[in-house]
Amino acid sequence: MWSKYAGYGTAGPTDVALADDEAHSGKMSLKSDSMERGQTRAQRSLTPIGATAYTHWGRIFYKVQEPSPAVQKTATNTVLHVTWTSLIGPSGENRVVDIVENMQGAYQWLFNIPTDKCCTNSAYDYTFDSPDTGASNWHCAEWWVDVPTESYRFFYDSTEVTALAFSGNANSTMSDYTAVVVGATWYQQNGTILSPFVIWFDDLAIDDTRIGCQ
């Protein structure tokens, strides 16, 4: 059973919701459509899968509507930090599918926690699909977590982003996860983007072994 995971921004129109205008498989997906910070996301308990919650492979497909909104310079920052998937445990939130976009339209992947005191990030080597054509495609993000060894790996479209991998990192605040949270939420002041950041999510899966993007 999915339920709302409360954000810290304006409720209502900024909530994620099921939508039938895009789907990776089936007829519906989860749609984030917001230009306000801290929107409500969707969560699901991991308790039914037992110890798999603490050591698992995860996968999610996502699609970003093009053209994606450009980052606007504000008085306090020049980037847009957006979380797409998190794992929640007794020690707090681990952001396992997480990006930061710069003003040039490039973005990096990172493993992040709310205090920003951990952990790893890639270079700004990634861009969304071509805004010139308006085309957008489904892409795949995968992660591996192991709470006992405080370890993490990340894959984008089946290729590992090796800069993100770590092991034995106590600063990661990994703990026995109780829920997975899906839906885009960002943290800069309103006005950082001037049009909604529209993203669809589909086919989330968690297993003991790697699921892949097939």
N, C-alpha and C. Protein backbone atom coordinates (compact mmCIF):
# COMPACT_ATOMS: atom_id res chain seq x y z
N MET A 1 0.84 -1.19 0.00
CA MET A 1 0.00 0.00 0.00
C MET A 1 0.89 1.26 0.00
N TRP A 2 0.65 2.12 -0.96
CA TRP A 2 1.37 3.39 -1.04
C TRP A 2 0.61 4.46 -0.27
N SER A 3 1.35 5.40 0.31
CA SER A 3 0.74 6.52 1.02
C SER A 3 1.59 7.77 0.78
N LYS A 4 1.11 8.92 1.23
CA LYS A 4 1.84 10.16 1.04
C LYS A 4 2.98 10.28 2.05
N TYR A 5 4.09 10.81 1.58
CA TYR A 5 5.22 11.14 2.44
C TYR A 5 5.29 12.67 2.46
N ALA A 6 4.96 13.24 3.61
CA ALA A 6 4.78 14.68 3.69
C ALA A 6 6.03 15.45 3.33
N GLY A 7 5.86 16.50 2.53
CA GLY A 7 6.96 17.40 2.22
C GLY A 7 6.97 18.58 3.17
N TYR A 8 7.71 19.60 2.81
CA TYR A 8 7.78 20.79 3.64
C TYR A 8 7.38 22.05 2.86
N GLY A 9 6.85 21.82 1.65
CA GLY A 9 6.42 22.95 0.84
C GLY A 9 4.92 23.09 0.86
N THR A 10 4.38 23.70 -0.17
CA THR A 10 2.94 23.90 -0.28
C THR A 10 2.26 22.60 -0.66
N ALA A 11 1.25 22.20 0.06
CA ALA A 11 0.53 20.97 -0.23
C ALA A 11 -0.49 21.22 -1.34
N GLY A 12 -1.15 20.14 -1.77
CA GLY A 12 -2.20 20.29 -2.76
C GLY A 12 -1.70 20.04 -4.16
N PRO A 13 -1.66 21.08 -5.03
CA PRO A 13 -1.30 20.88 -6.42
C PRO A 13 0.11 20.34 -6.61
N THR A 14 0.97 20.51 -5.61
CA THR A 14 2.35 20.06 -5.76
C THR A 14 2.55 18.61 -5.32
N ASP A 15 1.49 17.94 -4.89
CA ASP A 15 1.62 16.53 -4.54
C ASP A 15 1.89 15.69 -5.78
N VAL A 16 2.63 14.58 -5.62
CA VAL A 16 2.73 13.61 -6.70
C VAL A 16 1.40 12.88 -6.82
N ALA A 17 1.15 12.29 -8.00
CA ALA A 17 -0.10 11.58 -8.21
C ALA A 17 0.06 10.60 -9.36
N LEU A 18 -0.79 9.60 -9.39
CA LEU A 18 -0.83 8.70 -10.52
C LEU A 18 -1.33 9.44 -11.75
N ALA A 19 -0.77 9.09 -12.91
CA ALA A 19 -1.15 9.75 -14.16
C ALA A 19 -1.17 8.72 -15.28
N ASP A 20 -2.02 8.97 -16.27
CA ASP A 20 -2.11 8.05 -17.41
C ASP A 20 -1.59 8.66 -18.70
N ASP A 21 -0.86 9.79 -18.60
CA ASP A 21 -0.34 10.40 -19.82
C ASP A 21 1.00 9.83 -20.25
N GLU A 22 1.69 9.11 -19.37
CA GLU A 22 2.94 8.43 -19.69
C GLU A 22 3.03 7.17 -18.84
N ALA A 23 3.69 6.15 -19.40
CA ALA A 23 3.96 4.92 -18.64
C ALA A 23 5.10 4.18 -19.30
N HIS A 24 5.97 3.61 -18.48
CA HIS A 24 7.04 2.77 -19.02
C HIS A 24 6.50 1.39 -19.34
N SER A 25 5.62 0.89 -18.50
CA SER A 25 4.88 -0.34 -18.77
C SER A 25 3.49 -0.16 -18.18
N GLY A 26 2.55 -0.95 -18.61
CA GLY A 26 1.19 -0.78 -18.11
C GLY A 26 0.57 0.51 -18.64
N LYS A 27 -0.31 1.10 -17.84
CA LYS A 27 -1.07 2.25 -18.32
C LYS A 27 -0.88 3.50 -17.48
N MET A 28 -0.18 3.41 -16.33
CA MET A 28 -0.05 4.56 -15.45
C MET A 28 1.36 4.64 -14.88
N SER A 29 1.71 5.83 -14.40
CA SER A 29 2.98 6.04 -13.72
C SER A 29 2.76 7.06 -12.61
N LEU A 30 3.79 7.27 -11.80
CA LEU A 30 3.74 8.30 -10.76
C LEU A 30 4.30 9.58 -11.36
N LYS A 31 3.55 10.67 -11.26
CA LYS A 31 3.95 11.92 -11.91
C LYS A 31 4.23 13.00 -10.88
N SER A 32 5.41 13.61 -11.00
CA SER A 32 5.76 14.82 -10.24
C SER A 32 5.66 16.00 -11.20
N ASP A 33 4.95 17.02 -10.80
CA ASP A 33 4.71 18.17 -11.67
C ASP A 33 4.68 19.41 -10.79
N SER A 34 5.88 19.93 -10.49
CA SER A 34 5.93 21.00 -9.50
C SER A 34 7.00 22.02 -9.84
N MET A 35 6.75 23.26 -9.46
CA MET A 35 7.79 24.27 -9.49
C MET A 35 7.96 24.90 -8.11
N GLU A 36 7.47 24.17 -7.10
CA GLU A 36 7.61 24.61 -5.72
C GLU A 36 8.46 23.61 -4.94
N ARG A 37 9.24 24.11 -4.01
CA ARG A 37 10.15 23.28 -3.24
C ARG A 37 9.40 22.39 -2.25
N GLY A 38 10.00 21.25 -1.93
CA GLY A 38 9.52 20.41 -0.84
C GLY A 38 8.18 19.77 -1.04
N GLN A 39 7.88 19.29 -2.24
CA GLN A 39 6.56 18.72 -2.46
C GLN A 39 6.41 17.37 -1.76
N THR A 40 5.17 17.00 -1.52
CA THR A 40 4.85 15.69 -0.98
C THR A 40 5.21 14.61 -1.99
N ARG A 41 5.72 13.47 -1.48
CA ARG A 41 6.07 12.34 -2.34
C ARG A 41 5.23 11.12 -1.95
N ALA A 42 5.54 9.98 -2.55
CA ALA A 42 4.82 8.73 -2.26
C ALA A 42 5.77 7.78 -1.56
N GLN A 43 5.26 7.03 -0.59
CA GLN A 43 6.09 6.09 0.15
C GLN A 43 5.42 4.72 0.25
N ARG A 44 6.27 3.71 0.43
CA ARG A 44 5.76 2.36 0.65
C ARG A 44 6.63 1.67 1.69
N SER A 45 6.00 0.95 2.60
CA SER A 45 6.72 0.24 3.66
C SER A 45 7.58 -0.87 3.07
N LEU A 46 8.77 -1.03 3.65
CA LEU A 46 9.66 -2.13 3.27
C LEU A 46 9.62 -3.27 4.29
N THR A 47 8.82 -3.12 5.31
CA THR A 47 8.74 -4.14 6.36
C THR A 47 8.40 -5.52 5.82
N PRO A 48 7.48 -5.64 4.85
CA PRO A 48 7.12 -6.98 4.36
C PRO A 48 8.26 -7.75 3.70
N ILE A 49 9.33 -7.08 3.27
CA ILE A 49 10.40 -7.82 2.60
C ILE A 49 11.54 -8.18 3.55
N GLY A 50 11.37 -7.91 4.84
CA GLY A 50 12.32 -8.36 5.85
C GLY A 50 13.73 -7.83 5.64
N ALA A 51 14.71 -8.73 5.75
CA ALA A 51 16.12 -8.33 5.68
C ALA A 51 16.52 -7.81 4.31
N THR A 52 15.73 -8.09 3.28
CA THR A 52 16.03 -7.54 1.95
C THR A 52 16.02 -6.02 1.98
N ALA A 53 15.26 -5.44 2.89
CA ALA A 53 15.23 -3.98 2.99
C ALA A 53 16.59 -3.41 3.34
N TYR A 54 17.43 -4.20 4.02
CA TYR A 54 18.70 -3.69 4.52
C TYR A 54 19.86 -3.98 3.56
N THR A 55 19.70 -4.99 2.72
CA THR A 55 20.71 -5.32 1.71
C THR A 55 19.96 -5.68 0.44
N HIS A 56 19.98 -4.78 -0.54
CA HIS A 56 19.19 -5.03 -1.74
C HIS A 56 19.71 -4.28 -2.95
N TRP A 57 19.22 -4.72 -4.11
CA TRP A 57 19.32 -3.99 -5.37
C TRP A 57 17.98 -3.31 -5.62
N GLY A 58 18.03 -2.06 -6.04
CA GLY A 58 16.82 -1.33 -6.40
C GLY A 58 16.91 -0.81 -7.82
N ARG A 59 15.75 -0.61 -8.43
CA ARG A 59 15.70 -0.08 -9.78
C ARG A 59 14.44 0.75 -9.96
N ILE A 60 14.56 1.85 -10.71
CA ILE A 60 13.41 2.65 -11.06
C ILE A 60 13.62 3.27 -12.43
N PHE A 61 12.56 3.33 -13.22
CA PHE A 61 12.59 4.02 -14.50
C PHE A 61 12.01 5.43 -14.31
N TYR A 62 12.56 6.38 -15.05
CA TYR A 62 12.06 7.76 -14.97
C TYR A 62 12.12 8.41 -16.35
N LYS A 63 11.29 9.43 -16.53
CA LYS A 63 11.25 10.20 -17.77
C LYS A 63 11.08 11.66 -17.42
N VAL A 64 11.96 12.51 -17.94
CA VAL A 64 11.91 13.95 -17.70
C VAL A 64 11.30 14.63 -18.92
N GLN A 65 10.25 15.41 -18.70
CA GLN A 65 9.63 16.13 -19.82
C GLN A 65 10.58 17.20 -20.35
N GLU A 66 10.71 17.23 -21.68
CA GLU A 66 11.55 18.23 -22.33
C GLU A 66 10.69 19.31 -23.00
N PRO A 67 11.22 20.53 -23.02
CA PRO A 67 12.48 20.94 -22.40
C PRO A 67 12.36 21.03 -20.88
N SER A 68 13.34 20.52 -20.20
CA SER A 68 13.34 20.61 -18.74
C SER A 68 13.61 22.06 -18.34
N PRO A 69 13.13 22.50 -17.19
CA PRO A 69 13.30 23.90 -16.81
C PRO A 69 14.74 24.27 -16.54
N ALA A 70 15.13 25.43 -16.99
CA ALA A 70 16.49 25.92 -16.74
C ALA A 70 16.59 26.43 -15.31
N VAL A 71 17.77 26.28 -14.73
CA VAL A 71 18.04 26.79 -13.39
C VAL A 71 18.31 28.29 -13.46
N GLN A 72 17.60 29.06 -12.64
CA GLN A 72 17.76 30.50 -12.58
C GLN A 72 18.67 30.88 -11.42
N LYS A 73 19.53 31.83 -11.66
CA LYS A 73 20.39 32.32 -10.58
C LYS A 73 19.54 33.08 -9.58
N THR A 74 19.71 32.76 -8.29
CA THR A 74 19.01 33.48 -7.23
C THR A 74 20.04 34.13 -6.31
N ALA A 75 19.55 34.79 -5.29
CA ALA A 75 20.45 35.48 -4.37
C ALA A 75 21.31 34.53 -3.57
N THR A 76 20.88 33.27 -3.47
CA THR A 76 21.59 32.33 -2.59
C THR A 76 22.22 31.15 -3.31
N ASN A 77 21.84 30.85 -4.56
CA ASN A 77 22.42 29.67 -5.21
C ASN A 77 22.29 29.72 -6.73
N THR A 78 23.01 28.80 -7.38
CA THR A 78 22.98 28.70 -8.84
C THR A 78 22.78 27.26 -9.29
N VAL A 79 22.23 26.41 -8.43
CA VAL A 79 21.99 25.01 -8.78
C VAL A 79 20.60 24.60 -8.30
N LEU A 80 20.16 23.44 -8.78
CA LEU A 80 18.89 22.86 -8.34
C LEU A 80 19.17 21.43 -7.89
N HIS A 81 18.99 21.17 -6.60
CA HIS A 81 19.19 19.85 -6.01
C HIS A 81 17.84 19.15 -5.93
N VAL A 82 17.73 17.99 -6.60
CA VAL A 82 16.45 17.27 -6.69
C VAL A 82 16.64 15.82 -6.28
N THR A 83 15.84 15.36 -5.33
CA THR A 83 15.84 13.96 -4.91
C THR A 83 14.70 13.23 -5.61
N TRP A 84 15.02 12.04 -6.16
CA TRP A 84 14.02 11.25 -6.87
C TRP A 84 13.60 9.99 -6.09
N THR A 85 14.54 9.37 -5.39
CA THR A 85 14.22 8.17 -4.63
C THR A 85 15.02 8.17 -3.34
N SER A 86 14.36 7.87 -2.23
CA SER A 86 15.02 7.82 -0.92
C SER A 86 14.65 6.53 -0.19
N LEU A 87 15.55 6.14 0.70
CA LEU A 87 15.28 5.06 1.65
C LEU A 87 15.23 5.68 3.04
N ILE A 88 14.21 5.31 3.81
CA ILE A 88 14.00 5.89 5.14
C ILE A 88 14.23 4.83 6.20
N GLY A 89 15.05 5.17 7.20
CA GLY A 89 15.30 4.27 8.31
C GLY A 89 15.32 5.03 9.62
N PRO A 90 15.61 4.35 10.73
CA PRO A 90 15.63 5.01 12.04
C PRO A 90 16.61 6.18 12.12
N SER A 91 17.67 6.15 11.30
CA SER A 91 18.65 7.24 11.33
C SER A 91 18.34 8.34 10.33
N GLY A 92 17.21 8.21 9.62
CA GLY A 92 16.80 9.28 8.72
C GLY A 92 16.78 8.86 7.27
N GLU A 93 16.90 9.85 6.38
CA GLU A 93 16.73 9.66 4.94
C GLU A 93 18.07 9.48 4.24
N ASN A 94 18.14 8.44 3.40
CA ASN A 94 19.27 8.26 2.49
C ASN A 94 18.76 8.48 1.07
N ARG A 95 19.29 9.47 0.39
CA ARG A 95 18.84 9.82 -0.96
C ARG A 95 19.67 9.03 -1.97
N VAL A 96 19.09 7.95 -2.49
CA VAL A 96 19.86 7.00 -3.30
C VAL A 96 19.76 7.29 -4.79
N VAL A 97 18.76 8.03 -5.23
CA VAL A 97 18.70 8.53 -6.60
C VAL A 97 18.51 10.04 -6.49
N ASP A 98 19.59 10.79 -6.75
CA ASP A 98 19.67 12.19 -6.36
C ASP A 98 20.50 12.93 -7.40
N ILE A 99 20.08 14.14 -7.78
CA ILE A 99 20.85 14.91 -8.75
C ILE A 99 21.02 16.35 -8.28
N VAL A 100 22.03 17.02 -8.83
CA VAL A 100 22.17 18.47 -8.75
C VAL A 100 22.38 18.99 -10.16
N GLU A 101 21.52 19.89 -10.61
CA GLU A 101 21.62 20.48 -11.95
C GLU A 101 22.22 21.87 -11.84
N ASN A 102 23.13 22.22 -12.77
CA ASN A 102 23.72 23.56 -12.76
C ASN A 102 23.06 24.46 -13.80
N MET A 103 23.51 25.70 -13.88
CA MET A 103 22.88 26.68 -14.77
C MET A 103 23.14 26.40 -16.24
N GLN A 104 24.11 25.54 -16.52
CA GLN A 104 24.40 25.18 -17.90
C GLN A 104 23.54 24.01 -18.40
N GLY A 105 22.69 23.48 -17.52
CA GLY A 105 21.81 22.38 -17.90
C GLY A 105 22.41 21.01 -17.71
N ALA A 106 23.64 20.93 -17.19
CA ALA A 106 24.25 19.64 -16.88
C ALA A 106 23.93 19.25 -15.44
N TYR A 107 23.98 17.96 -15.15
CA TYR A 107 23.72 17.54 -13.78
C TYR A 107 24.69 16.45 -13.36
N GLN A 108 24.81 16.29 -12.05
CA GLN A 108 25.61 15.23 -11.44
C GLN A 108 24.70 14.31 -10.65
N TRP A 109 25.15 13.07 -10.46
CA TRP A 109 24.50 12.13 -9.55
C TRP A 109 25.19 12.21 -8.19
N LEU A 110 24.46 11.92 -7.11
CA LEU A 110 25.07 11.89 -5.79
C LEU A 110 24.29 11.00 -4.84
N PHE A 111 24.98 10.53 -3.79
CA PHE A 111 24.35 9.94 -2.63
C PHE A 111 24.36 11.03 -1.56
N ASN A 112 23.19 11.33 -1.02
CA ASN A 112 23.09 12.51 -0.16
C ASN A 112 22.22 12.20 1.05
N ILE A 113 22.45 12.94 2.12
CA ILE A 113 21.61 12.89 3.32
C ILE A 113 21.19 14.32 3.65
N PRO A 114 20.14 14.51 4.46
CA PRO A 114 19.63 15.87 4.69
C PRO A 114 20.63 16.87 5.25
N THR A 115 21.64 16.41 5.99
CA THR A 115 22.61 17.35 6.55
C THR A 115 23.67 17.77 5.54
N ASP A 116 23.69 17.12 4.38
CA ASP A 116 24.70 17.37 3.34
C ASP A 116 26.12 17.03 3.81
N LYS A 117 26.26 16.23 4.87
CA LYS A 117 27.59 15.87 5.38
C LYS A 117 28.12 14.58 4.77
N CYS A 118 27.39 14.02 3.84
CA CYS A 118 27.81 12.78 3.19
C CYS A 118 27.04 12.63 1.88
N CYS A 119 27.55 12.07 0.79
CA CYS A 119 28.69 11.17 0.81
C CYS A 119 29.52 11.33 -0.46
N THR A 120 28.95 11.01 -1.65
CA THR A 120 29.73 10.99 -2.87
C THR A 120 28.96 11.64 -4.01
N ASN A 121 29.69 12.08 -5.04
CA ASN A 121 29.04 12.67 -6.20
C ASN A 121 29.89 12.46 -7.45
N SER A 122 29.23 12.50 -8.60
CA SER A 122 29.92 12.41 -9.88
C SER A 122 30.25 13.82 -10.36
N ALA A 123 30.94 13.90 -11.49
CA ALA A 123 31.13 15.17 -12.17
C ALA A 123 29.81 15.56 -12.86
N TYR A 124 29.74 16.81 -13.32
CA TYR A 124 28.55 17.27 -14.07
C TYR A 124 28.66 16.80 -15.52
N ASP A 125 28.58 15.50 -15.70
CA ASP A 125 28.78 14.88 -17.01
C ASP A 125 27.48 14.45 -17.68
N TYR A 126 26.34 14.79 -17.11
CA TYR A 126 25.07 14.26 -17.58
C TYR A 126 24.14 15.39 -18.00
N THR A 127 23.33 15.14 -19.03
CA THR A 127 22.33 16.10 -19.48
C THR A 127 21.03 15.36 -19.75
N PHE A 128 19.93 16.09 -19.68
CA PHE A 128 18.64 15.52 -20.03
C PHE A 128 18.53 15.41 -21.54
N ASP A 129 17.50 14.72 -22.01
CA ASP A 129 17.35 14.53 -23.45
C ASP A 129 17.19 15.86 -24.17
N SER A 130 17.48 15.85 -25.47
CA SER A 130 17.65 17.07 -26.24
C SER A 130 16.46 18.02 -26.16
N PRO A 131 16.67 19.24 -25.67
CA PRO A 131 15.59 20.23 -25.67
C PRO A 131 15.31 20.77 -27.06
N ASP A 132 16.22 20.56 -28.02
CA ASP A 132 16.02 21.07 -29.38
C ASP A 132 14.90 20.34 -30.09
N THR A 133 14.77 19.06 -29.81
CA THR A 133 13.73 18.27 -30.47
C THR A 133 12.49 18.10 -29.59
N GLY A 134 12.63 18.39 -28.32
CA GLY A 134 11.52 18.17 -27.41
C GLY A 134 11.33 16.71 -27.05
N ALA A 135 12.24 15.85 -27.55
CA ALA A 135 12.11 14.41 -27.30
C ALA A 135 12.58 14.07 -25.90
N SER A 136 11.90 13.13 -25.28
CA SER A 136 12.34 12.62 -24.00
C SER A 136 12.11 11.11 -23.96
N ASN A 137 12.99 10.42 -23.26
CA ASN A 137 12.96 8.97 -23.23
C ASN A 137 12.94 8.48 -21.79
N TRP A 138 12.55 7.22 -21.62
CA TRP A 138 12.64 6.59 -20.32
C TRP A 138 14.08 6.18 -20.06
N HIS A 139 14.54 6.42 -18.84
CA HIS A 139 15.88 6.04 -18.42
C HIS A 139 15.78 5.22 -17.14
N CYS A 140 16.88 4.57 -16.79
CA CYS A 140 16.88 3.62 -15.68
C CYS A 140 17.95 3.98 -14.67
N ALA A 141 17.58 4.04 -13.41
CA ALA A 141 18.51 4.24 -12.30
C ALA A 141 18.48 2.99 -11.42
N GLU A 142 19.66 2.50 -11.05
CA GLU A 142 19.78 1.34 -10.17
C GLU A 142 20.69 1.68 -8.99
N TRP A 143 20.39 1.09 -7.86
CA TRP A 143 21.27 1.26 -6.70
C TRP A 143 21.43 -0.07 -5.98
N TRP A 144 22.53 -0.17 -5.24
CA TRP A 144 22.77 -1.30 -4.36
C TRP A 144 23.15 -0.73 -3.00
N VAL A 145 22.50 -1.21 -1.95
CA VAL A 145 22.83 -0.79 -0.59
C VAL A 145 23.04 -2.02 0.28
N ASP A 146 23.97 -1.88 1.21
CA ASP A 146 24.22 -2.94 2.19
C ASP A 146 24.44 -2.25 3.53
N VAL A 147 23.41 -2.25 4.36
CA VAL A 147 23.47 -1.53 5.63
C VAL A 147 24.56 -2.07 6.55
N PRO A 148 24.73 -3.40 6.70
CA PRO A 148 25.77 -3.89 7.63
C PRO A 148 27.17 -3.39 7.31
N THR A 149 27.49 -3.24 6.02
CA THR A 149 28.84 -2.77 5.65
C THR A 149 28.85 -1.31 5.23
N GLU A 150 27.70 -0.64 5.34
CA GLU A 150 27.58 0.78 4.99
C GLU A 150 28.14 1.03 3.60
N SER A 151 27.57 0.27 2.63
CA SER A 151 28.07 0.29 1.26
C SER A 151 26.97 0.68 0.28
N TYR A 152 27.41 1.25 -0.86
CA TYR A 152 26.47 1.77 -1.86
C TYR A 152 27.12 1.76 -3.23
N ARG A 153 26.32 1.43 -4.25
CA ARG A 153 26.73 1.56 -5.65
C ARG A 153 25.55 2.12 -6.45
N PHE A 154 25.85 2.73 -7.61
CA PHE A 154 24.80 3.36 -8.42
C PHE A 154 25.09 3.12 -9.90
N PHE A 155 24.01 2.88 -10.66
CA PHE A 155 24.10 2.64 -12.10
C PHE A 155 23.09 3.52 -12.84
N TYR A 156 23.52 4.10 -13.95
CA TYR A 156 22.66 4.90 -14.82
C TYR A 156 22.58 4.22 -16.18
N ASP A 157 21.37 3.85 -16.60
CA ASP A 157 21.18 3.12 -17.86
C ASP A 157 22.16 1.97 -17.98
N SER A 158 22.24 1.18 -16.91
CA SER A 158 23.01 -0.06 -16.82
C SER A 158 24.51 0.13 -16.68
N THR A 159 25.01 1.36 -16.68
CA THR A 159 26.44 1.61 -16.53
C THR A 159 26.71 2.17 -15.15
N GLU A 160 27.67 1.59 -14.43
CA GLU A 160 27.96 2.05 -13.08
C GLU A 160 28.61 3.42 -13.09
N VAL A 161 28.14 4.29 -12.20
CA VAL A 161 28.77 5.58 -11.94
C VAL A 161 29.73 5.34 -10.77
N THR A 162 30.94 4.98 -11.08
CA THR A 162 31.87 4.47 -10.08
C THR A 162 32.26 5.52 -9.04
N ALA A 163 32.15 6.80 -9.39
CA ALA A 163 32.51 7.85 -8.44
C ALA A 163 31.60 7.84 -7.22
N LEU A 164 30.42 7.23 -7.32
CA LEU A 164 29.48 7.25 -6.21
C LEU A 164 29.70 6.12 -5.22
N ALA A 165 30.43 5.08 -5.60
CA ALA A 165 30.55 3.89 -4.76
C ALA A 165 31.33 4.18 -3.48
N PHE A 166 30.85 3.59 -2.38
CA PHE A 166 31.60 3.66 -1.12
C PHE A 166 31.30 2.43 -0.28
N SER A 167 32.15 2.22 0.72
CA SER A 167 31.97 1.12 1.66
C SER A 167 32.55 1.52 3.00
N GLY A 168 31.91 1.09 4.07
CA GLY A 168 32.39 1.38 5.41
C GLY A 168 32.31 2.85 5.78
N ASN A 169 31.31 3.54 5.28
CA ASN A 169 31.18 4.98 5.52
C ASN A 169 30.11 5.24 6.58
N ALA A 170 30.53 5.42 7.82
CA ALA A 170 29.58 5.64 8.92
C ALA A 170 28.81 6.94 8.77
N ASN A 171 29.37 7.90 8.04
CA ASN A 171 28.68 9.18 7.84
C ASN A 171 27.46 9.06 6.94
N SER A 172 27.31 7.92 6.30
CA SER A 172 26.15 7.73 5.42
C SER A 172 24.84 7.60 6.18
N THR A 173 24.90 7.39 7.48
CA THR A 173 23.72 7.21 8.35
C THR A 173 22.80 6.09 7.86
N MET A 174 23.38 5.08 7.23
CA MET A 174 22.55 3.93 6.83
C MET A 174 21.98 3.25 8.06
N SER A 175 20.74 2.80 7.96
CA SER A 175 20.09 2.10 9.07
C SER A 175 19.09 1.13 8.48
N ASP A 176 18.48 0.32 9.29
CA ASP A 176 17.57 -0.71 8.80
C ASP A 176 16.33 -0.04 8.20
N TYR A 177 16.30 0.02 6.87
CA TYR A 177 15.28 0.81 6.18
C TYR A 177 13.87 0.27 6.40
N THR A 178 12.94 1.19 6.57
CA THR A 178 11.54 0.85 6.80
C THR A 178 10.63 1.27 5.66
N ALA A 179 11.12 2.16 4.75
CA ALA A 179 10.26 2.64 3.67
C ALA A 179 11.11 3.13 2.50
N VAL A 180 10.52 3.07 1.31
CA VAL A 180 11.10 3.68 0.12
C VAL A 180 10.18 4.83 -0.29
N VAL A 181 10.78 5.95 -0.69
CA VAL A 181 10.04 7.16 -1.04
C VAL A 181 10.37 7.54 -2.48
N VAL A 182 9.34 7.82 -3.28
CA VAL A 182 9.51 8.13 -4.70
C VAL A 182 8.78 9.42 -5.03
N GLY A 183 9.40 10.23 -5.88
CA GLY A 183 8.81 11.49 -6.32
C GLY A 183 9.82 12.61 -6.21
N ALA A 184 9.84 13.50 -7.17
CA ALA A 184 10.85 14.57 -7.18
C ALA A 184 10.54 15.64 -6.14
N THR A 185 11.55 15.98 -5.36
CA THR A 185 11.44 17.10 -4.43
C THR A 185 12.75 17.86 -4.43
N TRP A 186 12.69 19.20 -4.40
CA TRP A 186 13.91 19.98 -4.42
C TRP A 186 13.91 20.99 -3.29
N TYR A 187 15.09 21.63 -3.07
CA TYR A 187 15.36 22.27 -1.80
C TYR A 187 15.71 23.76 -1.89
N GLN A 188 15.93 24.27 -3.07
CA GLN A 188 16.26 25.69 -3.19
C GLN A 188 15.01 26.56 -3.03
N GLN A 189 15.22 27.87 -2.91
CA GLN A 189 14.09 28.78 -2.76
C GLN A 189 13.25 28.79 -4.02
N ASN A 190 11.94 29.06 -3.87
CA ASN A 190 11.08 29.21 -5.04
C ASN A 190 11.62 30.33 -5.92
N GLY A 191 11.49 30.15 -7.23
CA GLY A 191 12.08 31.07 -8.19
C GLY A 191 13.34 30.53 -8.83
N THR A 192 13.84 29.38 -8.31
CA THR A 192 15.02 28.76 -8.89
C THR A 192 14.71 28.20 -10.28
N ILE A 193 13.47 27.77 -10.51
CA ILE A 193 13.01 27.41 -11.85
C ILE A 193 11.73 28.18 -12.13
N LEU A 194 11.48 28.47 -13.40
CA LEU A 194 10.34 29.30 -13.78
C LEU A 194 9.23 28.52 -14.47
N SER A 195 9.41 27.21 -14.59
CA SER A 195 8.36 26.34 -15.14
C SER A 195 8.42 25.02 -14.40
N PRO A 196 7.34 24.25 -14.39
CA PRO A 196 7.33 23.01 -13.63
C PRO A 196 8.38 22.02 -14.10
N PHE A 197 8.98 21.30 -13.16
CA PHE A 197 9.89 20.20 -13.43
C PHE A 197 9.03 18.95 -13.46
N VAL A 198 8.71 18.46 -14.67
CA VAL A 198 7.77 17.34 -14.83
C VAL A 198 8.56 16.04 -15.01
N ILE A 199 8.34 15.09 -14.12
CA ILE A 199 9.03 13.81 -14.17
C ILE A 199 8.03 12.69 -13.88
N TRP A 200 8.13 11.62 -14.65
CA TRP A 200 7.34 10.42 -14.40
C TRP A 200 8.24 9.30 -13.88
N PHE A 201 7.71 8.47 -12.98
CA PHE A 201 8.44 7.34 -12.41
C PHE A 201 7.62 6.07 -12.58
N ASP A 202 8.29 4.96 -12.87
CA ASP A 202 7.57 3.71 -13.10
C ASP A 202 8.48 2.52 -12.82
N ASP A 203 7.85 1.38 -12.63
CA ASP A 203 8.53 0.08 -12.52
C ASP A 203 9.61 0.05 -11.45
N LEU A 204 9.29 0.57 -10.29
CA LEU A 204 10.19 0.41 -9.14
C LEU A 204 10.25 -1.07 -8.75
N ALA A 205 11.46 -1.56 -8.47
CA ALA A 205 11.62 -2.94 -8.03
C ALA A 205 12.78 -3.03 -7.05
N ILE A 206 12.67 -3.90 -6.07
CA ILE A 206 13.71 -4.16 -5.07
C ILE A 206 13.84 -5.67 -4.93
N ASP A 207 15.11 -6.15 -4.92
CA ASP A 207 15.31 -7.61 -4.84
C ASP A 207 16.69 -7.89 -4.21
N ASP A 208 16.90 -9.16 -3.88
CA ASP A 208 18.19 -9.58 -3.33
C ASP A 208 19.29 -9.55 -4.38
N THR A 209 18.93 -9.78 -5.63
CA THR A 209 19.89 -9.80 -6.72
C THR A 209 19.59 -8.67 -7.70
N ARG A 210 20.58 -8.32 -8.52
CA ARG A 210 20.40 -7.21 -9.44
C ARG A 210 19.27 -7.49 -10.42
N ILE A 211 18.40 -6.52 -10.60
CA ILE A 211 17.20 -6.67 -11.41
C ILE A 211 17.48 -6.31 -12.87
N GLY A 212 18.27 -5.26 -13.06
CA GLY A 212 18.61 -4.80 -14.40
C GLY A 212 17.54 -3.91 -15.00
N CYS A 213 17.84 -3.41 -16.19
CA CYS A 213 16.98 -2.42 -16.87
C CYS A 213 16.28 -2.99 -18.08
N GLN A 214 16.22 -4.31 -18.19
CA GLN A 214 15.56 -4.92 -19.35
C GLN A 214 14.06 -4.68 -19.31
